[in-house]
ModelCIF file with pLDDT and N, C-alpha, C, O atoms, coordinates in Angstrom:
data_MODEL
#
_entry.id   MODEL 
#
_entity.id                         1 
_entity.type                       polymer 
_entity.pdbx_number_of_molecules   1 
#
_entity_poly.entity_id                      1 
_entity_poly.type                           'polypeptide(L)' 
_entity_poly.nstd_linkage                   no 
_entity_poly.nstd_monomer                   no 
_entity_poly.pdbx_seq_one_letter_code       
;(UNK)(UNK)(UNK)(UNK)(UNK)(UNK)(UNK)(UNK)(UNK)(UNK)(UNK)(UNK)(UNK)(UNK)(UNK)(UNK)
(UNK)(UNK)(UNK)(UNK)(UNK)(UNK)(UNK)(UNK)(UNK)(UNK)(UNK)(UNK)(UNK)(UNK)(UNK)(UNK)
(UNK)(UNK)(UNK)(UNK)(UNK)(UNK)(UNK)(UNK)(UNK)(UNK)(UNK)(UNK)(UNK)
;
_entity_poly.pdbx_seq_one_letter_code_can   XXXXXXXXXXXXXXXXXXXXXXXXXXXXXXXXXXXXXXXXXXXXX 
_entity_poly.pdbx_strand_id                 A 
#
loop_
_entity_poly_seq.entity_id 
_entity_poly_seq.num 
_entity_poly_seq.mon_id 
_entity_poly_seq.hetero 
1 1  UNK n 
1 2  UNK n 
1 3  UNK n 
1 4  UNK n 
1 5  UNK n 
1 6  UNK n 
1 7  UNK n 
1 8  UNK n 
1 9  UNK n 
1 10 UNK n 
1 11 UNK n 
1 12 UNK n 
1 13 UNK n 
1 14 UNK n 
1 15 UNK n 
1 16 UNK n 
1 17 UNK n 
1 18 UNK n 
1 19 UNK n 
1 20 UNK n 
1 21 UNK n 
1 22 UNK n 
1 23 UNK n 
1 24 UNK n 
1 25 UNK n 
1 26 UNK n 
1 27 UNK n 
1 28 UNK n 
1 29 UNK n 
1 30 UNK n 
1 31 UNK n 
1 32 UNK n 
1 33 UNK n 
1 34 UNK n 
1 35 UNK n 
1 36 UNK n 
1 37 UNK n 
1 38 UNK n 
1 39 UNK n 
1 40 UNK n 
1 41 UNK n 
1 42 UNK n 
1 43 UNK n 
1 44 UNK n 
1 45 UNK n 
#
_struct_asym.id          A 
_struct_asym.entity_id   1 
#
loop_
_ma_qa_metric.id 
_ma_qa_metric.mode 
_ma_qa_metric.name 
_ma_qa_metric.software_group_id 
_ma_qa_metric.type 
1 global pLDDT . pLDDT 
2 local  pLDDT . pLDDT 
#
_ma_qa_metric_global.metric_id      1 
_ma_qa_metric_global.metric_value   93.09 
_ma_qa_metric_global.model_id       1 
_ma_qa_metric_global.ordinal_id     1 
#
loop_
_ma_qa_metric_local.label_asym_id 
_ma_qa_metric_local.label_comp_id 
_ma_qa_metric_local.label_seq_id 
_ma_qa_metric_local.metric_id 
_ma_qa_metric_local.metric_value 
_ma_qa_metric_local.model_id 
_ma_qa_metric_local.ordinal_id 
A UNK 1  2 90.00 1 1  
A UNK 2  2 83.00 1 2  
A UNK 3  2 79.00 1 3  
A UNK 4  2 79.00 1 4  
A UNK 5  2 75.00 1 5  
A UNK 6  2 83.00 1 6  
A UNK 7  2 88.00 1 7  
A UNK 8  2 93.00 1 8  
A UNK 9  2 95.00 1 9  
A UNK 10 2 97.00 1 10 
A UNK 11 2 98.00 1 11 
A UNK 12 2 98.00 1 12 
A UNK 13 2 98.00 1 13 
A UNK 14 2 98.00 1 14 
A UNK 15 2 97.00 1 15 
A UNK 16 2 92.00 1 16 
A UNK 17 2 94.00 1 17 
A UNK 18 2 96.00 1 18 
A UNK 19 2 95.00 1 19 
A UNK 20 2 96.00 1 20 
A UNK 21 2 97.00 1 21 
A UNK 22 2 97.00 1 22 
A UNK 23 2 98.00 1 23 
A UNK 24 2 97.00 1 24 
A UNK 25 2 97.00 1 25 
A UNK 26 2 96.00 1 26 
A UNK 27 2 92.00 1 27 
A UNK 28 2 89.00 1 28 
A UNK 29 2 88.00 1 29 
A UNK 30 2 89.00 1 30 
A UNK 31 2 90.00 1 31 
A UNK 32 2 93.00 1 32 
A UNK 33 2 95.00 1 33 
A UNK 34 2 95.00 1 34 
A UNK 35 2 96.00 1 35 
A UNK 36 2 95.00 1 36 
A UNK 37 2 95.00 1 37 
A UNK 38 2 91.00 1 38 
A UNK 39 2 94.00 1 39 
A UNK 40 2 95.00 1 40 
A UNK 41 2 96.00 1 41 
A UNK 42 2 97.00 1 42 
A UNK 43 2 98.00 1 43 
A UNK 44 2 98.00 1 44 
A UNK 45 2 97.00 1 45 
#
loop_
_atom_site.group_PDB 
_atom_site.id 
_atom_site.type_symbol 
_atom_site.label_atom_id 
_atom_site.label_alt_id 
_atom_site.label_comp_id 
_atom_site.label_asym_id 
_atom_site.label_entity_id 
_atom_site.label_seq_id 
_atom_site.pdbx_PDB_ins_code 
_atom_site.Cartn_x 
_atom_site.Cartn_y 
_atom_site.Cartn_z 
_atom_site.occupancy 
_atom_site.B_iso_or_equiv 
_atom_site.pdbx_formal_charge 
_atom_site.auth_seq_id 
_atom_site.auth_comp_id 
_atom_site.auth_asym_id 
_atom_site.auth_atom_id 
_atom_site.pdbx_PDB_model_num 
ATOM 1   N N  . UNK A 1 1  ? -48.585 54.808 262.556 1.00 90.00 ? 1  UNK A N  1 
ATOM 2   C CA . UNK A 1 1  ? -47.537 53.808 262.596 1.00 90.00 ? 1  UNK A CA 1 
ATOM 3   C C  . UNK A 1 1  ? -48.113 52.406 262.593 1.00 90.00 ? 1  UNK A C  1 
ATOM 4   O O  . UNK A 1 1  ? -49.198 52.168 262.063 1.00 90.00 ? 1  UNK A O  1 
ATOM 5   N N  . UNK A 1 2  ? -47.382 51.485 263.186 1.00 83.00 ? 2  UNK A N  1 
ATOM 6   C CA . UNK A 1 2  ? -47.750 50.074 263.172 1.00 83.00 ? 2  UNK A CA 1 
ATOM 7   C C  . UNK A 1 2  ? -48.694 49.771 264.328 1.00 83.00 ? 2  UNK A C  1 
ATOM 8   O O  . UNK A 1 2  ? -48.335 49.089 265.287 1.00 83.00 ? 2  UNK A O  1 
ATOM 9   N N  . UNK A 1 3  ? -49.901 50.293 264.209 1.00 79.00 ? 3  UNK A N  1 
ATOM 10  C CA . UNK A 1 3  ? -50.855 50.183 265.306 1.00 79.00 ? 3  UNK A CA 1 
ATOM 11  C C  . UNK A 1 3  ? -51.518 48.812 265.401 1.00 79.00 ? 3  UNK A C  1 
ATOM 12  O O  . UNK A 1 3  ? -51.924 48.388 266.483 1.00 79.00 ? 3  UNK A O  1 
ATOM 13  N N  . UNK A 1 4  ? -51.628 48.124 264.275 1.00 79.00 ? 4  UNK A N  1 
ATOM 14  C CA . UNK A 1 4  ? -52.334 46.856 264.273 1.00 79.00 ? 4  UNK A CA 1 
ATOM 15  C C  . UNK A 1 4  ? -53.776 47.048 264.703 1.00 79.00 ? 4  UNK A C  1 
ATOM 16  O O  . UNK A 1 4  ? -54.433 48.003 264.287 1.00 79.00 ? 4  UNK A O  1 
ATOM 17  N N  . UNK A 1 5  ? -54.263 46.148 265.529 1.00 75.00 ? 5  UNK A N  1 
ATOM 18  C CA . UNK A 1 5  ? -55.600 46.282 266.078 1.00 75.00 ? 5  UNK A CA 1 
ATOM 19  C C  . UNK A 1 5  ? -55.651 45.668 267.470 1.00 75.00 ? 5  UNK A C  1 
ATOM 20  O O  . UNK A 1 5  ? -54.649 45.172 267.986 1.00 75.00 ? 5  UNK A O  1 
ATOM 21  N N  . UNK A 1 6  ? -56.828 45.713 268.061 1.00 83.00 ? 6  UNK A N  1 
ATOM 22  C CA . UNK A 1 6  ? -57.081 45.131 269.382 1.00 83.00 ? 6  UNK A CA 1 
ATOM 23  C C  . UNK A 1 6  ? -56.274 45.798 270.493 1.00 83.00 ? 6  UNK A C  1 
ATOM 24  O O  . UNK A 1 6  ? -55.917 45.147 271.475 1.00 83.00 ? 6  UNK A O  1 
ATOM 25  N N  . UNK A 1 7  ? -55.987 47.072 270.347 1.00 88.00 ? 7  UNK A N  1 
ATOM 26  C CA . UNK A 1 7  ? -55.249 47.770 271.387 1.00 88.00 ? 7  UNK A CA 1 
ATOM 27  C C  . UNK A 1 7  ? -56.194 48.623 272.226 1.00 88.00 ? 7  UNK A C  1 
ATOM 28  O O  . UNK A 1 7  ? -57.198 49.144 271.741 1.00 88.00 ? 7  UNK A O  1 
ATOM 29  N N  . UNK A 1 8  ? -55.840 48.744 273.485 1.00 93.00 ? 8  UNK A N  1 
ATOM 30  C CA . UNK A 1 8  ? -56.583 49.563 274.418 1.00 93.00 ? 8  UNK A CA 1 
ATOM 31  C C  . UNK A 1 8  ? -56.011 50.978 274.426 1.00 93.00 ? 8  UNK A C  1 
ATOM 32  O O  . UNK A 1 8  ? -54.797 51.166 274.358 1.00 93.00 ? 8  UNK A O  1 
ATOM 33  N N  . UNK A 1 9  ? -56.890 51.960 274.510 1.00 95.00 ? 9  UNK A N  1 
ATOM 34  C CA . UNK A 1 9  ? -56.463 53.344 274.633 1.00 95.00 ? 9  UNK A CA 1 
ATOM 35  C C  . UNK A 1 9  ? -56.842 53.877 276.005 1.00 95.00 ? 9  UNK A C  1 
ATOM 36  O O  . UNK A 1 9  ? -57.938 53.623 276.505 1.00 95.00 ? 9  UNK A O  1 
ATOM 37  N N  . UNK A 1 10 ? -55.933 54.608 276.594 1.00 97.00 ? 10 UNK A N  1 
ATOM 38  C CA . UNK A 1 10 ? -56.164 55.202 277.896 1.00 97.00 ? 10 UNK A CA 1 
ATOM 39  C C  . UNK A 1 10 ? -55.793 56.664 277.923 1.00 97.00 ? 10 UNK A C  1 
ATOM 40  O O  . UNK A 1 10 ? -55.021 57.148 277.095 1.00 97.00 ? 10 UNK A O  1 
ATOM 41  N N  . UNK A 1 11 ? -56.362 57.364 278.898 1.00 98.00 ? 11 UNK A N  1 
ATOM 42  C CA . UNK A 1 11 ? -56.019 58.757 279.164 1.00 98.00 ? 11 UNK A CA 1 
ATOM 43  C C  . UNK A 1 11 ? -55.497 58.888 280.587 1.00 98.00 ? 11 UNK A C  1 
ATOM 44  O O  . UNK A 1 11 ? -56.046 58.305 281.522 1.00 98.00 ? 11 UNK A O  1 
ATOM 45  N N  . UNK A 1 12 ? -54.430 59.661 280.732 1.00 98.00 ? 12 UNK A N  1 
ATOM 46  C CA . UNK A 1 12 ? -53.827 59.983 282.015 1.00 98.00 ? 12 UNK A CA 1 
ATOM 47  C C  . UNK A 1 12 ? -53.621 61.487 282.096 1.00 98.00 ? 12 UNK A C  1 
ATOM 48  O O  . UNK A 1 12 ? -53.688 62.188 281.086 1.00 98.00 ? 12 UNK A O  1 
ATOM 49  N N  . UNK A 1 13 ? -53.369 61.975 283.300 1.00 98.00 ? 13 UNK A N  1 
ATOM 50  C CA . UNK A 1 13 ? -52.994 63.372 283.461 1.00 98.00 ? 13 UNK A CA 1 
ATOM 51  C C  . UNK A 1 13 ? -51.948 63.497 284.557 1.00 98.00 ? 13 UNK A C  1 
ATOM 52  O O  . UNK A 1 13 ? -51.823 62.635 285.426 1.00 98.00 ? 13 UNK A O  1 
ATOM 53  N N  . UNK A 1 14 ? -51.205 64.587 284.494 1.00 98.00 ? 14 UNK A N  1 
ATOM 54  C CA . UNK A 1 14 ? -50.177 64.848 285.486 1.00 98.00 ? 14 UNK A CA 1 
ATOM 55  C C  . UNK A 1 14 ? -50.140 66.338 285.781 1.00 98.00 ? 14 UNK A C  1 
ATOM 56  O O  . UNK A 1 14 ? -49.852 67.150 284.902 1.00 98.00 ? 14 UNK A O  1 
ATOM 57  N N  . UNK A 1 15 ? -50.433 66.686 287.021 1.00 97.00 ? 15 UNK A N  1 
ATOM 58  C CA . UNK A 1 15 ? -50.360 68.059 287.484 1.00 97.00 ? 15 UNK A CA 1 
ATOM 59  C C  . UNK A 1 15 ? -48.972 68.332 288.048 1.00 97.00 ? 15 UNK A C  1 
ATOM 60  O O  . UNK A 1 15 ? -48.275 67.396 288.440 1.00 97.00 ? 15 UNK A O  1 
ATOM 61  N N  . UNK A 1 16 ? -48.558 69.596 288.096 1.00 92.00 ? 16 UNK A N  1 
ATOM 62  C CA . UNK A 1 16 ? -47.233 69.917 288.632 1.00 92.00 ? 16 UNK A CA 1 
ATOM 63  C C  . UNK A 1 16 ? -47.041 69.382 290.037 1.00 92.00 ? 16 UNK A C  1 
ATOM 64  O O  . UNK A 1 16 ? -47.884 69.586 290.911 1.00 92.00 ? 16 UNK A O  1 
ATOM 65  N N  . UNK A 1 17 ? -45.933 68.697 290.248 1.00 94.00 ? 17 UNK A N  1 
ATOM 66  C CA . UNK A 1 17 ? -45.608 68.160 291.552 1.00 94.00 ? 17 UNK A CA 1 
ATOM 67  C C  . UNK A 1 17 ? -46.368 66.915 291.951 1.00 94.00 ? 17 UNK A C  1 
ATOM 68  O O  . UNK A 1 17 ? -46.219 66.442 293.078 1.00 94.00 ? 17 UNK A O  1 
ATOM 69  N N  . UNK A 1 18 ? -47.179 66.370 291.059 1.00 96.00 ? 18 UNK A N  1 
ATOM 70  C CA . UNK A 1 18 ? -47.970 65.189 291.373 1.00 96.00 ? 18 UNK A CA 1 
ATOM 71  C C  . UNK A 1 18 ? -47.625 64.040 290.441 1.00 96.00 ? 18 UNK A C  1 
ATOM 72  O O  . UNK A 1 18 ? -47.031 64.236 289.381 1.00 96.00 ? 18 UNK A O  1 
ATOM 73  N N  . UNK A 1 19 ? -48.007 62.838 290.852 1.00 95.00 ? 19 UNK A N  1 
ATOM 74  C CA . UNK A 1 19 ? -47.788 61.653 290.038 1.00 95.00 ? 19 UNK A CA 1 
ATOM 75  C C  . UNK A 1 19 ? -48.786 61.603 288.890 1.00 95.00 ? 19 UNK A C  1 
ATOM 76  O O  . UNK A 1 19 ? -49.858 62.205 288.948 1.00 95.00 ? 19 UNK A O  1 
ATOM 77  N N  . UNK A 1 20 ? -48.411 60.876 287.854 1.00 96.00 ? 20 UNK A N  1 
ATOM 78  C CA . UNK A 1 20 ? -49.322 60.663 286.744 1.00 96.00 ? 20 UNK A CA 1 
ATOM 79  C C  . UNK A 1 20 ? -50.535 59.865 287.221 1.00 96.00 ? 20 UNK A C  1 
ATOM 80  O O  . UNK A 1 20 ? -50.391 58.871 287.933 1.00 96.00 ? 20 UNK A O  1 
ATOM 81  N N  . UNK A 1 21 ? -51.713 60.302 286.829 1.00 97.00 ? 21 UNK A N  1 
ATOM 82  C CA . UNK A 1 21 ? -52.967 59.782 287.343 1.00 97.00 ? 21 UNK A CA 1 
ATOM 83  C C  . UNK A 1 21 ? -53.799 59.196 286.216 1.00 97.00 ? 21 UNK A C  1 
ATOM 84  O O  . UNK A 1 21 ? -53.998 59.837 285.184 1.00 97.00 ? 21 UNK A O  1 
ATOM 85  N N  . UNK A 1 22 ? -54.285 57.977 286.415 1.00 97.00 ? 22 UNK A N  1 
ATOM 86  C CA . UNK A 1 22 ? -55.168 57.353 285.447 1.00 97.00 ? 22 UNK A CA 1 
ATOM 87  C C  . UNK A 1 22 ? -56.510 58.058 285.414 1.00 97.00 ? 22 UNK A C  1 
ATOM 88  O O  . UNK A 1 22 ? -57.050 58.429 286.457 1.00 97.00 ? 22 UNK A O  1 
ATOM 89  N N  . UNK A 1 23 ? -57.050 58.243 284.216 1.00 98.00 ? 23 UNK A N  1 
ATOM 90  C CA . UNK A 1 23 ? -58.357 58.865 284.051 1.00 98.00 ? 23 UNK A CA 1 
ATOM 91  C C  . UNK A 1 23 ? -59.402 57.917 283.474 1.00 98.00 ? 23 UNK A C  1 
ATOM 92  O O  . UNK A 1 23 ? -60.479 57.753 284.047 1.00 98.00 ? 23 UNK A O  1 
ATOM 93  N N  . UNK A 1 24 ? -59.089 57.300 282.350 1.00 97.00 ? 24 UNK A N  1 
ATOM 94  C CA . UNK A 1 24 ? -60.077 56.492 281.646 1.00 97.00 ? 24 UNK A CA 1 
ATOM 95  C C  . UNK A 1 24 ? -59.378 55.586 280.653 1.00 97.00 ? 24 UNK A C  1 
ATOM 96  O O  . UNK A 1 24 ? -58.284 55.892 280.178 1.00 97.00 ? 24 UNK A O  1 
ATOM 97  N N  . UNK A 1 25 ? -60.017 54.467 280.342 1.00 97.00 ? 25 UNK A N  1 
ATOM 98  C CA . UNK A 1 25 ? -59.499 53.553 279.328 1.00 97.00 ? 25 UNK A CA 1 
ATOM 99  C C  . UNK A 1 25 ? -60.659 52.904 278.604 1.00 97.00 ? 25 UNK A C  1 
ATOM 100 O O  . UNK A 1 25 ? -61.754 52.766 279.151 1.00 97.00 ? 25 UNK A O  1 
ATOM 101 N N  . UNK A 1 26 ? -60.408 52.508 277.367 1.00 96.00 ? 26 UNK A N  1 
ATOM 102 C CA . UNK A 1 26 ? -61.434 51.934 276.507 1.00 96.00 ? 26 UNK A CA 1 
ATOM 103 C C  . UNK A 1 26 ? -60.821 50.844 275.662 1.00 96.00 ? 26 UNK A C  1 
ATOM 104 O O  . UNK A 1 26 ? -59.784 51.043 275.029 1.00 96.00 ? 26 UNK A O  1 
ATOM 105 N N  . UNK A 1 27 ? -61.470 49.680 275.652 1.00 92.00 ? 27 UNK A N  1 
ATOM 106 C CA . UNK A 1 27 ? -60.985 48.568 274.853 1.00 92.00 ? 27 UNK A CA 1 
ATOM 107 C C  . UNK A 1 27 ? -61.222 48.818 273.372 1.00 92.00 ? 27 UNK A C  1 
ATOM 108 O O  . UNK A 1 27 ? -61.951 49.733 272.988 1.00 92.00 ? 27 UNK A O  1 
ATOM 109 N N  . UNK A 1 28 ? -60.587 47.980 272.541 1.00 89.00 ? 28 UNK A N  1 
ATOM 110 C CA . UNK A 1 28 ? -60.712 48.115 271.095 1.00 89.00 ? 28 UNK A CA 1 
ATOM 111 C C  . UNK A 1 28 ? -62.168 48.075 270.642 1.00 89.00 ? 28 UNK A C  1 
ATOM 112 O O  . UNK A 1 28 ? -62.592 48.900 269.833 1.00 89.00 ? 28 UNK A O  1 
ATOM 113 N N  . UNK A 1 29 ? -62.923 47.126 271.157 1.00 88.00 ? 29 UNK A N  1 
ATOM 114 C CA . UNK A 1 29 ? -64.308 46.955 270.733 1.00 88.00 ? 29 UNK A CA 1 
ATOM 115 C C  . UNK A 1 29 ? -65.261 47.949 271.376 1.00 88.00 ? 29 UNK A C  1 
ATOM 116 O O  . UNK A 1 29 ? -66.409 48.072 270.950 1.00 88.00 ? 29 UNK A O  1 
ATOM 117 N N  . UNK A 1 30 ? -64.802 48.653 272.386 1.00 89.00 ? 30 UNK A N  1 
ATOM 118 C CA . UNK A 1 30 ? -65.646 49.601 273.079 1.00 89.00 ? 30 UNK A CA 1 
ATOM 119 C C  . UNK A 1 30 ? -66.530 49.003 274.149 1.00 89.00 ? 30 UNK A C  1 
ATOM 120 O O  . UNK A 1 30 ? -67.350 49.710 274.735 1.00 89.00 ? 30 UNK A O  1 
ATOM 121 N N  . UNK A 1 31 ? -66.386 47.722 274.420 1.00 90.00 ? 31 UNK A N  1 
ATOM 122 C CA . UNK A 1 31 ? -67.265 47.060 275.380 1.00 90.00 ? 31 UNK A CA 1 
ATOM 123 C C  . UNK A 1 31 ? -66.762 47.118 276.812 1.00 90.00 ? 31 UNK A C  1 
ATOM 124 O O  . UNK A 1 31 ? -67.495 46.765 277.736 1.00 90.00 ? 31 UNK A O  1 
ATOM 125 N N  . UNK A 1 32 ? -65.532 47.556 277.013 1.00 93.00 ? 32 UNK A N  1 
ATOM 126 C CA . UNK A 1 32 ? -64.980 47.666 278.356 1.00 93.00 ? 32 UNK A CA 1 
ATOM 127 C C  . UNK A 1 32 ? -64.470 49.081 278.556 1.00 93.00 ? 32 UNK A C  1 
ATOM 128 O O  . UNK A 1 32 ? -63.610 49.552 277.813 1.00 93.00 ? 32 UNK A O  1 
ATOM 129 N N  . UNK A 1 33 ? -65.001 49.749 279.557 1.00 95.00 ? 33 UNK A N  1 
ATOM 130 C CA . UNK A 1 33 ? -64.628 51.121 279.876 1.00 95.00 ? 33 UNK A CA 1 
ATOM 131 C C  . UNK A 1 33 ? -64.418 51.237 281.372 1.00 95.00 ? 33 UNK A C  1 
ATOM 132 O O  . UNK A 1 33 ? -65.156 50.641 282.156 1.00 95.00 ? 33 UNK A O  1 
ATOM 133 N N  . UNK A 1 34 ? -63.421 51.998 281.768 1.00 95.00 ? 34 UNK A N  1 
ATOM 134 C CA . UNK A 1 34 ? -63.210 52.262 283.177 1.00 95.00 ? 34 UNK A CA 1 
ATOM 135 C C  . UNK A 1 34 ? -62.797 53.720 283.359 1.00 95.00 ? 34 UNK A C  1 
ATOM 136 O O  . UNK A 1 34 ? -62.133 54.300 282.500 1.00 95.00 ? 34 UNK A O  1 
ATOM 137 N N  . UNK A 1 35 ? -63.201 54.307 284.494 1.00 96.00 ? 35 UNK A N  1 
ATOM 138 C CA . UNK A 1 35 ? -62.945 55.708 284.784 1.00 96.00 ? 35 UNK A CA 1 
ATOM 139 C C  . UNK A 1 35 ? -62.452 55.886 286.207 1.00 96.00 ? 35 UNK A C  1 
ATOM 140 O O  . UNK A 1 35 ? -62.795 55.114 287.103 1.00 96.00 ? 35 UNK A O  1 
ATOM 141 N N  . UNK A 1 36 ? -61.648 56.910 286.396 1.00 95.00 ? 36 UNK A N  1 
ATOM 142 C CA . UNK A 1 36 ? -61.358 57.399 287.733 1.00 95.00 ? 36 UNK A CA 1 
ATOM 143 C C  . UNK A 1 36 ? -62.660 57.906 288.357 1.00 95.00 ? 36 UNK A C  1 
ATOM 144 O O  . UNK A 1 36 ? -63.442 58.585 287.691 1.00 95.00 ? 36 UNK A O  1 
ATOM 145 N N  . UNK A 1 37 ? -62.894 57.583 289.620 1.00 95.00 ? 37 UNK A N  1 
ATOM 146 C CA . UNK A 1 37 ? -64.153 57.943 290.263 1.00 95.00 ? 37 UNK A CA 1 
ATOM 147 C C  . UNK A 1 37 ? -64.441 59.442 290.202 1.00 95.00 ? 37 UNK A C  1 
ATOM 148 O O  . UNK A 1 37 ? -65.589 59.842 290.014 1.00 95.00 ? 37 UNK A O  1 
ATOM 149 N N  . UNK A 1 38 ? -63.425 60.260 290.358 1.00 91.00 ? 38 UNK A N  1 
ATOM 150 C CA . UNK A 1 38 ? -63.637 61.693 290.427 1.00 91.00 ? 38 UNK A CA 1 
ATOM 151 C C  . UNK A 1 38 ? -64.060 62.319 289.104 1.00 91.00 ? 38 UNK A C  1 
ATOM 152 O O  . UNK A 1 38 ? -64.499 63.469 289.083 1.00 91.00 ? 38 UNK A O  1 
ATOM 153 N N  . UNK A 1 39 ? -63.937 61.588 288.002 1.00 94.00 ? 39 UNK A N  1 
ATOM 154 C CA . UNK A 1 39 ? -64.345 62.132 286.711 1.00 94.00 ? 39 UNK A CA 1 
ATOM 155 C C  . UNK A 1 39 ? -65.558 61.422 286.127 1.00 94.00 ? 39 UNK A C  1 
ATOM 156 O O  . UNK A 1 39 ? -66.035 61.811 285.061 1.00 94.00 ? 39 UNK A O  1 
ATOM 157 N N  . UNK A 1 40 ? -66.065 60.402 286.789 1.00 95.00 ? 40 UNK A N  1 
ATOM 158 C CA . UNK A 1 40 ? -67.262 59.718 286.310 1.00 95.00 ? 40 UNK A CA 1 
ATOM 159 C C  . UNK A 1 40 ? -68.426 60.703 286.235 1.00 95.00 ? 40 UNK A C  1 
ATOM 160 O O  . UNK A 1 40 ? -68.661 61.489 287.153 1.00 95.00 ? 40 UNK A O  1 
ATOM 161 N N  . UNK A 1 41 ? -69.140 60.638 285.129 1.00 96.00 ? 41 UNK A N  1 
ATOM 162 C CA . UNK A 1 41 ? -70.249 61.546 284.918 1.00 96.00 ? 41 UNK A CA 1 
ATOM 163 C C  . UNK A 1 41 ? -69.860 62.870 284.313 1.00 96.00 ? 41 UNK A C  1 
ATOM 164 O O  . UNK A 1 41 ? -70.724 63.605 283.834 1.00 96.00 ? 41 UNK A O  1 
ATOM 165 N N  . UNK A 1 42 ? -68.577 63.197 284.322 1.00 97.00 ? 42 UNK A N  1 
ATOM 166 C CA . UNK A 1 42 ? -68.087 64.432 283.712 1.00 97.00 ? 42 UNK A CA 1 
ATOM 167 C C  . UNK A 1 42 ? -67.269 64.167 282.451 1.00 97.00 ? 42 UNK A C  1 
ATOM 168 O O  . UNK A 1 42 ? -67.378 64.900 281.468 1.00 97.00 ? 42 UNK A O  1 
ATOM 169 N N  . UNK A 1 43 ? -66.453 63.121 282.484 1.00 98.00 ? 43 UNK A N  1 
ATOM 170 C CA . UNK A 1 43 ? -65.580 62.791 281.359 1.00 98.00 ? 43 UNK A CA 1 
ATOM 171 C C  . UNK A 1 43 ? -66.109 61.552 280.644 1.00 98.00 ? 43 UNK A C  1 
ATOM 172 O O  . UNK A 1 43 ? -66.637 60.637 281.276 1.00 98.00 ? 43 UNK A O  1 
ATOM 173 N N  . UNK A 1 44 ? -65.963 61.534 279.328 1.00 98.00 ? 44 UNK A N  1 
ATOM 174 C CA . UNK A 1 44 ? -66.374 60.395 278.524 1.00 98.00 ? 44 UNK A CA 1 
ATOM 175 C C  . UNK A 1 44 ? -65.281 60.055 277.525 1.00 98.00 ? 44 UNK A C  1 
ATOM 176 O O  . UNK A 1 44 ? -64.829 60.917 276.771 1.00 98.00 ? 44 UNK A O  1 
ATOM 177 N N  . UNK A 1 45 ? -64.856 58.793 277.521 1.00 97.00 ? 45 UNK A N  1 
ATOM 178 C CA . UNK A 1 45 ? -63.873 58.336 276.561 1.00 97.00 ? 45 UNK A CA 1 
ATOM 179 C C  . UNK A 1 45 ? -64.588 57.627 275.412 1.00 97.00 ? 45 UNK A C  1 
ATOM 180 O O  . UNK A 1 45 ? -63.939 57.155 274.479 1.00 97.00 ? 45 UNK A O  1 
#
């Protein structure tokens, strides 16, 4: 669709009965990355 550019992509998850939880995000250029502490070292965006 009309994605343009310079958008950030993120990943979230939601388990049954729980709130949606942030996992990881990555800027357009790839220079800014952030992770949930519990997945650092295991997950890579």
